[in-house]
């Protein structure tokens, strides 16, 4: 990552604009994503929860093509951002009305929204960096407002009593429309790839496949893909599980995960220096095993502290695995393919891994639900716990990375979007 030459001075008005943009960007997502499962469960659509949480990975796979072919080449970033959020906001507002017609129509509305939303994750980051004088130091200052936006959205949803209400979609959709209007007033940011030819290899990061010749990198990629299969269970069913365990403020409870994420992001350099890449990744995978074990142990007796502890592990689960993985990819790839390598990592994990995982966990959910509609949560959470444990063992045995990474390299590495 290199310093940008912005057209607007970073500070004052620009800092405020970018902070509000990032806050609203993740407020929109956090206002409905966590509690969509409980909403569907409360409205007789629990059989389609897995499909609803599949559309995000599908959109994540498709969005690089949109960014590469259209957004990055023909239009200014702020106008594309405005258009996508306004259109996406409309689809979110339509989602509850679609649910009244059919489950499948509801899924279509969510898919349409995610196809609009996913490209904006990259757009907001690139727009912010374009208007900075030192992106390595300034971007984290802006990016933290995204996590705050997600937390605030969760708190607002629970405080308003929208945890299983259609109003969550109206709030999120209205916020998206507001962000769309606000985006027109962001600093002008020209199309970053105007005049450059589009390449499928660039969009999917296929040129980075040369890195798979390194045994440890190949092991890392395979294990990252595999571990994201059980990981998808958390995003699809944790909210529903929390609600069925008798916890009323579902979104507020789930926000403990993002709160811990901020803390562990701050202390990551301390652990990185002492543990190194291999054991940081291993601890991240182990945290997922422990999280699911806590959920399974809490299920029969509805033990609240175990459930909340499992949620609070999100800081380790996410930062130690996804952020460390991004840093490892950043250091293993040269400057010519670094961007592609990062895109390939996201495609493997948040795209293909989560996509397959959502479908498999949907089948597990259906298997553990009896004729009376009661879910055997203990058994359900045992499956991903065992799966993640097997992947962890394979990773520890086969991954042989020994290179140390400095605190400066940690700061300069690309950081993925939170989930």
Protein backbone atom coordinates (compact mmCIF):
# COMPACT_ATOMS: atom_id res chain seq x y z
CA UNK A 1 0.00 0.00 0.00
CA UNK A 2 1.43 3.34 -0.94
CA UNK A 3 0.60 6.90 -0.10
CA UNK A 4 -2.09 8.49 -2.22
CA UNK A 5 -2.07 11.98 -3.71
CA UNK A 6 -5.54 13.28 -2.88
CA UNK A 7 -7.28 16.16 -4.58
CA UNK A 8 -8.64 17.25 -1.20
CA UNK A 9 -6.68 17.84 1.97
CA UNK A 10 -7.20 15.03 4.50
CA UNK A 11 -8.49 16.53 7.71
CA UNK A 12 -11.41 18.60 8.91
CA UNK A 13 -14.27 18.34 6.43
CA UNK A 14 -12.82 15.41 4.46
CA UNK A 15 -12.08 13.41 7.61
CA UNK A 16 -15.66 13.98 8.80
CA UNK A 17 -17.12 13.05 5.41
CA UNK A 18 -15.17 9.80 5.19
CA UNK A 19 -15.93 8.89 8.81
CA UNK A 20 -19.68 9.38 8.31
CA UNK A 21 -19.48 7.40 5.06
CA UNK A 22 -17.77 4.45 6.78
CA UNK A 23 -20.11 4.61 9.79
CA UNK A 24 -23.23 4.45 7.60
CA UNK A 25 -21.66 1.82 5.32
CA UNK A 26 -21.57 -0.71 8.15
CA UNK A 27 -24.62 0.60 9.98
CA UNK A 28 -26.64 -0.48 6.93
CA UNK A 29 -25.19 -4.00 7.00
CA UNK A 30 -25.28 -4.45 10.77
CA UNK A 31 -28.90 -3.30 11.04
CA UNK A 32 -30.28 -6.43 9.34
CA UNK A 33 -27.60 -9.06 8.71
CA UNK A 34 -27.29 -10.32 12.29
CA UNK A 35 -31.03 -10.55 12.92
CA UNK A 36 -32.28 -11.73 9.52
CA UNK A 37 -32.11 -15.33 10.80
CA UNK A 38 -34.27 -14.64 13.88
CA UNK A 39 -36.70 -12.65 11.69
CA UNK A 40 -37.03 -15.56 9.26
CA UNK A 41 -37.39 -18.04 12.12
CA UNK A 42 -40.17 -15.95 13.69
CA UNK A 43 -42.00 -15.70 10.36
CA UNK A 44 -41.99 -19.36 9.37
CA UNK A 45 -39.07 -19.11 6.93
CA UNK A 46 -36.47 -21.00 8.98
CA UNK A 47 -36.07 -23.57 6.21
CA UNK A 48 -34.68 -20.84 3.93
CA UNK A 49 -32.17 -19.29 6.37
CA UNK A 50 -29.24 -21.08 4.75
CA UNK A 51 -30.28 -19.84 1.31
CA UNK A 52 -30.65 -16.27 2.61
CA UNK A 53 -27.10 -16.36 3.97
CA UNK A 54 -25.82 -17.86 0.72
CA UNK A 55 -26.58 -14.73 -1.30
CA UNK A 56 -23.80 -12.75 0.42
CA UNK A 57 -21.02 -15.10 -0.76
CA UNK A 58 -22.60 -15.19 -4.24
CA UNK A 59 -22.52 -11.40 -4.38
CA UNK A 60 -18.93 -11.42 -3.07
CA UNK A 61 -17.92 -13.64 -6.00
CA UNK A 62 -19.73 -11.49 -8.57
CA UNK A 63 -18.74 -8.04 -7.27
CA UNK A 64 -15.11 -8.10 -8.54
CA UNK A 65 -16.48 -8.35 -12.09
CA UNK A 66 -18.73 -5.35 -11.57
CA UNK A 67 -15.92 -3.32 -10.05
CA UNK A 68 -13.45 -4.36 -12.72
CA UNK A 69 -15.66 -3.93 -15.77
CA UNK A 70 -17.78 -0.91 -14.84
CA UNK A 71 -17.25 0.92 -11.55
CA UNK A 72 -13.46 1.26 -11.74
CA UNK A 73 -13.43 2.33 -15.39
CA UNK A 74 -16.30 4.59 -16.36
CA UNK A 75 -17.74 6.46 -13.38
CA UNK A 76 -16.46 8.43 -10.40
CA UNK A 77 -16.45 6.40 -7.19
CA UNK A 78 -18.78 8.66 -5.22
CA UNK A 79 -21.48 8.52 -7.93
CA UNK A 80 -21.29 4.74 -8.21
CA UNK A 81 -21.45 4.51 -4.39
CA UNK A 82 -24.51 6.79 -4.33
CA UNK A 83 -26.32 4.85 -7.05
CA UNK A 84 -25.62 1.41 -5.55
CA UNK A 85 -26.74 2.39 -2.05
CA UNK A 86 -29.92 4.07 -3.22
CA UNK A 87 -30.85 1.06 -5.35
CA UNK A 88 -29.82 -1.37 -2.61
CA UNK A 89 -31.83 0.57 -0.05
CA UNK A 90 -34.95 0.21 -2.17
CA UNK A 91 -34.48 -3.57 -2.36
CA UNK A 92 -34.08 -3.77 1.44
CA UNK A 93 -37.31 -1.83 1.95
CA UNK A 94 -39.05 -4.19 -0.47
CA UNK A 95 -37.78 -7.33 1.29
CA UNK A 96 -40.49 -7.52 4.02
CA UNK A 97 -43.22 -6.96 1.43
CA UNK A 98 -41.67 -9.71 -0.71
CA UNK A 99 -41.69 -12.01 2.35
CA UNK A 100 -45.47 -11.63 2.57
CA UNK A 101 -45.74 -13.04 -0.95
CA UNK A 102 -43.27 -15.93 -0.77
CA UNK A 103 -40.02 -17.09 0.82
CA UNK A 104 -38.28 -17.22 -2.54
CA UNK A 105 -39.27 -13.67 -3.41
CA UNK A 106 -37.77 -12.54 -0.10
CA UNK A 107 -34.50 -14.30 -0.99
CA UNK A 108 -34.50 -12.58 -4.39
CA UNK A 109 -34.91 -9.18 -2.73
CA UNK A 110 -31.99 -9.89 -0.36
CA UNK A 111 -29.86 -11.11 -3.28
CA UNK A 112 -30.65 -7.95 -5.24
CA UNK A 113 -29.61 -5.84 -2.26
CA UNK A 114 -26.37 -7.75 -1.73
CA UNK A 115 -25.47 -7.45 -5.41
CA UNK A 116 -25.72 -3.69 -4.90
CA UNK A 117 -24.04 -3.66 -1.48
CA UNK A 118 -21.00 -5.92 -1.90
CA UNK A 119 -19.25 -3.73 -4.51
CA UNK A 120 -19.54 -0.77 -2.13
CA UNK A 121 -17.22 -2.44 0.38
CA UNK A 122 -14.33 -2.04 -2.04
CA UNK A 123 -15.57 1.33 -3.26
CA UNK A 124 -15.65 2.92 0.20
CA UNK A 125 -12.12 1.71 0.96
CA UNK A 126 -10.67 2.89 -2.35
CA UNK A 127 -12.53 6.22 -2.15
CA UNK A 128 -11.23 6.81 1.37
CA UNK A 129 -7.64 5.93 0.46
CA UNK A 130 -7.71 8.15 -2.63
CA UNK A 131 -8.43 11.12 -0.40
CA UNK A 132 -5.67 10.43 2.13
CA UNK A 133 -2.10 11.63 2.27
CA UNK A 134 -0.85 8.54 4.15
CA UNK A 135 -3.25 5.62 3.84
CA UNK A 136 -1.24 3.29 6.10
CA UNK A 137 -1.70 5.58 9.09
CA UNK A 138 -4.94 7.35 8.20
CA UNK A 139 -7.11 4.50 6.92
CA UNK A 140 -7.42 2.71 10.30
CA UNK A 141 -8.65 6.00 11.79
CA UNK A 142 -11.48 6.01 9.25
CA UNK A 143 -12.07 2.24 9.18
CA UNK A 144 -12.79 2.00 12.92
CA UNK A 145 -15.94 4.07 12.33
CA UNK A 146 -17.24 1.15 10.26
CA UNK A 147 -17.00 -1.23 13.20
CA UNK A 148 -18.59 1.42 15.44
CA UNK A 149 -21.41 1.76 12.89
CA UNK A 150 -22.04 -2.00 13.01
CA UNK A 151 -22.12 -1.99 16.82
CA UNK A 152 -24.43 1.02 17.00
CA UNK A 153 -26.77 -0.63 14.46
CA UNK A 154 -26.99 -3.75 16.63
CA UNK A 155 -27.67 -1.70 19.75
CA UNK A 156 -30.34 0.40 18.01
CA UNK A 157 -32.11 -2.69 16.64
CA UNK A 158 -32.35 -4.25 20.10
CA UNK A 159 -33.29 -1.04 21.88
CA UNK A 160 -36.12 -0.44 19.42
CA UNK A 161 -37.28 -4.04 19.74
CA UNK A 162 -36.67 -4.83 16.07
CA UNK A 163 -34.76 -8.11 16.62
CA UNK A 164 -37.44 -10.16 14.84
CA UNK A 165 -39.37 -7.31 13.22
CA UNK A 166 -39.62 -6.31 9.57
CA UNK A 167 -38.74 -2.80 10.74
CA UNK A 168 -35.04 -3.78 10.71
CA UNK A 169 -35.17 -3.80 6.91
CA UNK A 170 -36.90 -0.43 6.75
CA UNK A 171 -34.29 1.06 9.10
CA UNK A 172 -31.42 -0.45 7.12
CA UNK A 173 -32.99 0.48 3.78
CA UNK A 174 -33.64 4.05 4.91
CA UNK A 175 -30.04 4.32 6.13
CA UNK A 176 -28.82 3.06 2.75
CA UNK A 177 -30.90 5.70 0.96
CA UNK A 178 -29.48 8.36 3.30
CA UNK A 179 -25.94 7.16 2.57
CA UNK A 180 -26.73 7.23 -1.15
CA UNK A 181 -27.76 10.88 -0.96
CA UNK A 182 -24.79 11.71 1.29
CA UNK A 183 -22.40 10.06 -1.19
CA UNK A 184 -23.10 12.70 -3.81
CA UNK A 185 -21.43 15.20 -1.48
CA UNK A 186 -18.28 13.13 -0.90
CA UNK A 187 -14.96 14.35 -2.38
CA UNK A 188 -14.81 13.79 -6.13
CA UNK A 189 -12.90 10.55 -6.78
CA UNK A 190 -12.26 9.74 -10.49
CA UNK A 191 -12.59 6.20 -11.81
CA UNK A 192 -9.32 4.58 -10.61
CA UNK A 193 -8.83 2.32 -13.66
CA UNK A 194 -10.12 4.60 -16.41
CA UNK A 195 -8.63 3.64 -19.77
CA UNK A 196 -7.15 0.35 -18.52
CA UNK A 197 -8.20 -2.99 -20.09
CA UNK A 198 -10.31 -5.39 -18.02
CA UNK A 199 -8.84 -8.80 -17.18
CA UNK A 200 -10.67 -11.79 -15.70
CA UNK A 201 -7.35 -12.85 -14.19
CA UNK A 202 -7.17 -9.51 -12.37
CA UNK A 203 -10.78 -9.73 -11.18
CA UNK A 204 -10.43 -13.23 -9.72
CA UNK A 205 -6.76 -13.00 -8.80
CA UNK A 206 -5.87 -15.99 -10.98
CA UNK A 207 -2.31 -14.82 -11.67
CA UNK A 208 -1.64 -15.33 -7.96
CA UNK A 209 -2.08 -19.10 -8.41
CA UNK A 210 1.66 -19.25 -8.97
CA UNK A 211 2.00 -18.86 -5.19
CA UNK A 212 0.44 -22.30 -4.74
CA UNK A 213 3.80 -23.76 -5.77
CA UNK A 214 4.91 -22.90 -2.24
CA UNK A 215 3.80 -25.81 -0.06
CA UNK A 216 2.94 -23.75 3.00
CA UNK A 217 0.96 -21.22 0.97
CA UNK A 218 -0.98 -24.07 -0.66
CA UNK A 219 -1.70 -25.58 2.77
CA UNK A 220 -2.79 -22.16 4.01
CA UNK A 221 -5.20 -21.70 1.07
CA UNK A 222 -6.74 -25.16 1.36
CA UNK A 223 -7.18 -24.89 5.13
CA UNK A 224 -8.57 -21.34 4.86
CA UNK A 225 -11.15 -22.56 2.36
CA UNK A 226 -12.05 -25.61 4.46
CA UNK A 227 -12.32 -23.77 7.78
CA UNK A 228 -14.75 -21.25 6.27
CA UNK A 229 -17.23 -24.08 5.67
CA UNK A 230 -18.00 -24.54 9.41
CA UNK A 231 -17.50 -20.81 10.03
CA UNK A 232 -20.61 -20.02 8.00
CA UNK A 233 -22.74 -21.68 10.69
CA UNK A 234 -22.08 -18.75 13.02
CA UNK A 235 -23.22 -16.09 10.58
CA UNK A 236 -26.32 -18.02 9.52
CA UNK A 237 -27.56 -19.47 12.81
CA UNK A 238 -25.97 -17.77 15.82
CA UNK A 239 -28.63 -15.06 15.94
CA UNK A 240 -31.44 -17.60 15.80
CA UNK A 241 -29.69 -19.69 18.47
CA UNK A 242 -29.32 -16.69 20.79
CA UNK A 243 -33.02 -15.93 20.44
CA UNK A 244 -34.10 -19.51 21.14
CA UNK A 245 -31.91 -19.58 24.24
CA UNK A 246 -34.19 -16.96 25.77
CA UNK A 247 -32.05 -13.87 25.15
CA UNK A 248 -34.37 -11.12 23.95
CA UNK A 249 -31.92 -8.46 22.78
CA UNK A 250 -30.37 -10.57 20.04
CA UNK A 251 -28.58 -7.87 18.04
CA UNK A 252 -27.22 -6.19 21.17
CA UNK A 253 -25.86 -9.50 22.44
CA UNK A 254 -24.27 -10.27 19.07
CA UNK A 255 -22.54 -6.86 19.09
CA UNK A 256 -20.22 -8.10 21.84
CA UNK A 257 -18.36 -9.85 19.03
CA UNK A 258 -17.54 -6.59 17.23
CA UNK A 259 -16.62 -4.91 20.52
CA UNK A 260 -14.04 -7.61 21.18
CA UNK A 261 -12.85 -7.28 17.58
CA UNK A 262 -11.78 -3.68 18.22
CA UNK A 263 -9.85 -4.72 21.35
CA UNK A 264 -8.02 -7.62 19.71
CA UNK A 265 -7.18 -5.52 16.66
CA UNK A 266 -5.33 -3.14 18.98
CA UNK A 267 -3.36 -5.92 20.73
CA UNK A 268 -2.69 -7.96 17.57
CA UNK A 269 0.87 -6.62 17.06
CA UNK A 270 1.79 -7.74 20.60
CA UNK A 271 0.64 -11.31 19.95
CA UNK A 272 1.95 -11.37 16.37
CA UNK A 273 5.53 -10.76 17.43
CA UNK A 274 5.36 -13.51 20.04
CA UNK A 275 3.34 -16.15 18.19
CA UNK A 276 4.22 -15.63 14.52
CA UNK A 277 2.01 -16.39 11.53
CA UNK A 278 1.51 -20.12 12.09
CA UNK A 279 0.36 -19.94 15.68
CA UNK A 280 -1.69 -16.79 15.16
CA UNK A 281 -3.65 -18.63 12.47
CA UNK A 282 -3.84 -21.76 14.64
CA UNK A 283 -5.17 -19.79 17.63
CA UNK A 284 -7.73 -18.17 15.34
CA UNK A 285 -8.93 -21.60 14.15
CA UNK A 286 -8.90 -22.94 17.72
CA UNK A 287 -11.10 -20.04 18.81
CA UNK A 288 -13.77 -21.21 16.35
CA UNK A 289 -13.58 -24.72 17.84
CA UNK A 290 -13.93 -23.33 21.37
CA UNK A 291 -16.79 -21.01 20.30
CA UNK A 292 -18.83 -23.87 18.88
CA UNK A 293 -18.01 -26.08 21.87
CA UNK A 294 -19.31 -23.34 24.18
CA UNK A 295 -22.49 -23.05 22.14
CA UNK A 296 -22.99 -26.82 22.22
CA UNK A 297 -22.36 -26.94 25.96
CA UNK A 298 -24.80 -24.13 26.60
CA UNK A 299 -27.60 -25.44 24.41
CA UNK A 300 -29.47 -27.87 26.66
CA UNK A 301 -29.51 -25.71 29.81
CA UNK A 302 -29.47 -22.29 28.07
CA UNK A 303 -26.30 -21.20 29.90
CA UNK A 304 -26.04 -17.49 29.09
CA UNK A 305 -22.40 -16.92 30.10
CA UNK A 306 -21.21 -19.66 27.74
CA UNK A 307 -23.22 -18.19 24.87
CA UNK A 308 -21.91 -14.67 25.48
CA UNK A 309 -18.34 -15.97 25.88
CA UNK A 310 -18.64 -17.73 22.53
CA UNK A 311 -19.81 -14.52 20.89
CA UNK A 312 -17.08 -12.45 22.57
CA UNK A 313 -14.46 -14.77 21.05
CA UNK A 314 -15.18 -13.08 17.72
CA UNK A 315 -12.19 -10.78 18.18
CA UNK A 316 -9.85 -13.78 18.19
CA UNK A 317 -11.89 -15.73 15.64
CA UNK A 318 -11.85 -12.89 13.13
CA UNK A 319 -8.67 -10.91 13.81
CA UNK A 320 -6.35 -13.85 14.43
CA UNK A 321 -7.58 -15.78 11.40
CA UNK A 322 -8.82 -13.40 8.70
CA UNK A 323 -6.58 -10.41 9.44
CA UNK A 324 -3.52 -12.61 10.02
CA UNK A 325 -4.30 -14.46 6.80
CA UNK A 326 -4.47 -11.17 4.90
CA UNK A 327 -1.13 -10.10 6.38
CA UNK A 328 0.43 -13.46 5.47
CA UNK A 329 -0.81 -13.18 1.87
CA UNK A 330 0.49 -9.61 1.72
CA UNK A 331 3.97 -10.75 2.72
CA UNK A 332 4.10 -13.87 0.55
CA UNK A 333 3.12 -12.10 -2.68
CA UNK A 334 5.22 -9.61 -4.61
CA UNK A 335 4.02 -6.11 -5.47
CA UNK A 336 2.90 -7.15 -8.99
CA UNK A 337 0.37 -9.73 -7.80
CA UNK A 338 -0.33 -8.54 -4.24
CA UNK A 339 -3.75 -7.15 -5.11
CA UNK A 340 -4.67 -10.30 -7.01
CA UNK A 341 -3.47 -12.53 -4.17
CA UNK A 342 -5.67 -10.64 -1.71
CA UNK A 343 -8.63 -10.98 -4.07
CA UNK A 344 -7.99 -14.70 -4.44
CA UNK A 345 -7.91 -15.12 -0.64
CA UNK A 346 -11.25 -13.33 -0.30
CA UNK A 347 -12.71 -15.43 -3.14
CA UNK A 348 -11.61 -18.67 -1.41
CA UNK A 349 -12.85 -17.72 2.06
CA UNK A 350 -15.70 -15.22 2.05
CA UNK A 351 -16.80 -16.38 -1.39
CA UNK A 352 -16.51 -20.12 -2.07
CA UNK A 353 -15.93 -21.30 1.53
CA UNK A 354 -18.88 -19.40 2.97
CA UNK A 355 -21.06 -20.32 -0.01
CA UNK A 356 -20.52 -24.07 0.37
CA UNK A 357 -20.65 -23.78 4.15
CA UNK A 358 -24.03 -22.04 4.18
CA UNK A 359 -25.53 -24.79 2.05
CA UNK A 360 -24.02 -27.64 4.10
CA UNK A 361 -25.00 -26.06 7.41
CA UNK A 362 -28.50 -25.55 6.05
CA UNK A 363 -28.76 -29.31 5.60
CA UNK A 364 -27.38 -29.92 9.08
CA UNK A 365 -29.96 -27.49 10.49
CA UNK A 366 -32.76 -29.33 8.68
CA UNK A 367 -31.48 -32.68 10.00
CA UNK A 368 -31.44 -31.45 13.60
CA UNK A 369 -34.98 -30.06 13.54
CA UNK A 370 -37.72 -32.47 14.60
CA UNK A 371 -41.34 -32.60 13.44
CA UNK A 372 -42.38 -30.24 16.24
CA UNK A 373 -39.91 -27.61 15.02
CA UNK A 374 -37.48 -28.06 17.93
CA UNK A 375 -33.80 -27.81 16.99
CA UNK A 376 -31.15 -30.01 18.62
CA UNK A 377 -28.70 -27.12 19.00
CA UNK A 378 -26.14 -29.19 20.90
CA UNK A 379 -25.69 -31.59 18.00
CA UNK A 380 -25.90 -28.81 15.43
CA UNK A 381 -22.96 -26.91 16.96
CA UNK A 382 -20.97 -30.12 17.45
CA UNK A 383 -20.68 -30.63 13.68
CA UNK A 384 -18.81 -27.37 12.91
CA UNK A 385 -16.72 -27.74 16.08
CA UNK A 386 -15.41 -31.15 14.96
CA UNK A 387 -14.95 -29.97 11.35
CA UNK A 388 -12.92 -26.93 12.45
CA UNK A 389 -10.86 -29.09 14.82
CA UNK A 390 -9.91 -31.48 12.00
CA UNK A 391 -8.86 -28.56 9.78
CA UNK A 392 -6.82 -27.11 12.67
CA UNK A 393 -4.94 -30.39 13.15
CA UNK A 394 -4.17 -30.64 9.41
CA UNK A 395 -2.95 -27.04 9.38
CA UNK A 396 -0.66 -27.42 12.40
CA UNK A 397 0.89 -30.60 10.97
CA UNK A 398 1.47 -29.36 7.40
CA UNK A 399 2.03 -25.58 7.61
CA UNK A 400 5.76 -24.81 7.97
CA UNK A 401 6.03 -21.01 7.77
CA UNK A 402 8.91 -19.70 9.90
CA UNK A 403 9.47 -16.14 8.66
CA UNK A 404 8.92 -13.39 11.25
CA UNK A 405 6.76 -10.38 10.39
CA UNK A 406 7.60 -6.98 11.83
CA UNK A 407 5.09 -4.57 13.42
CA UNK A 408 5.64 -2.23 10.45
CA UNK A 409 4.57 -4.96 8.01
CA UNK A 410 1.45 -5.59 10.10
CA UNK A 411 0.49 -1.92 9.88
CA UNK A 412 1.10 -1.75 6.13
CA UNK A 413 -0.82 -4.88 5.17
CA UNK A 414 -4.26 -4.73 3.58
CA UNK A 415 -7.00 -5.35 6.14
CA UNK A 416 -10.12 -7.26 5.05
CA UNK A 417 -13.68 -6.14 5.69
CA UNK A 418 -15.18 -7.42 8.95
CA UNK A 419 -17.94 -10.05 9.04
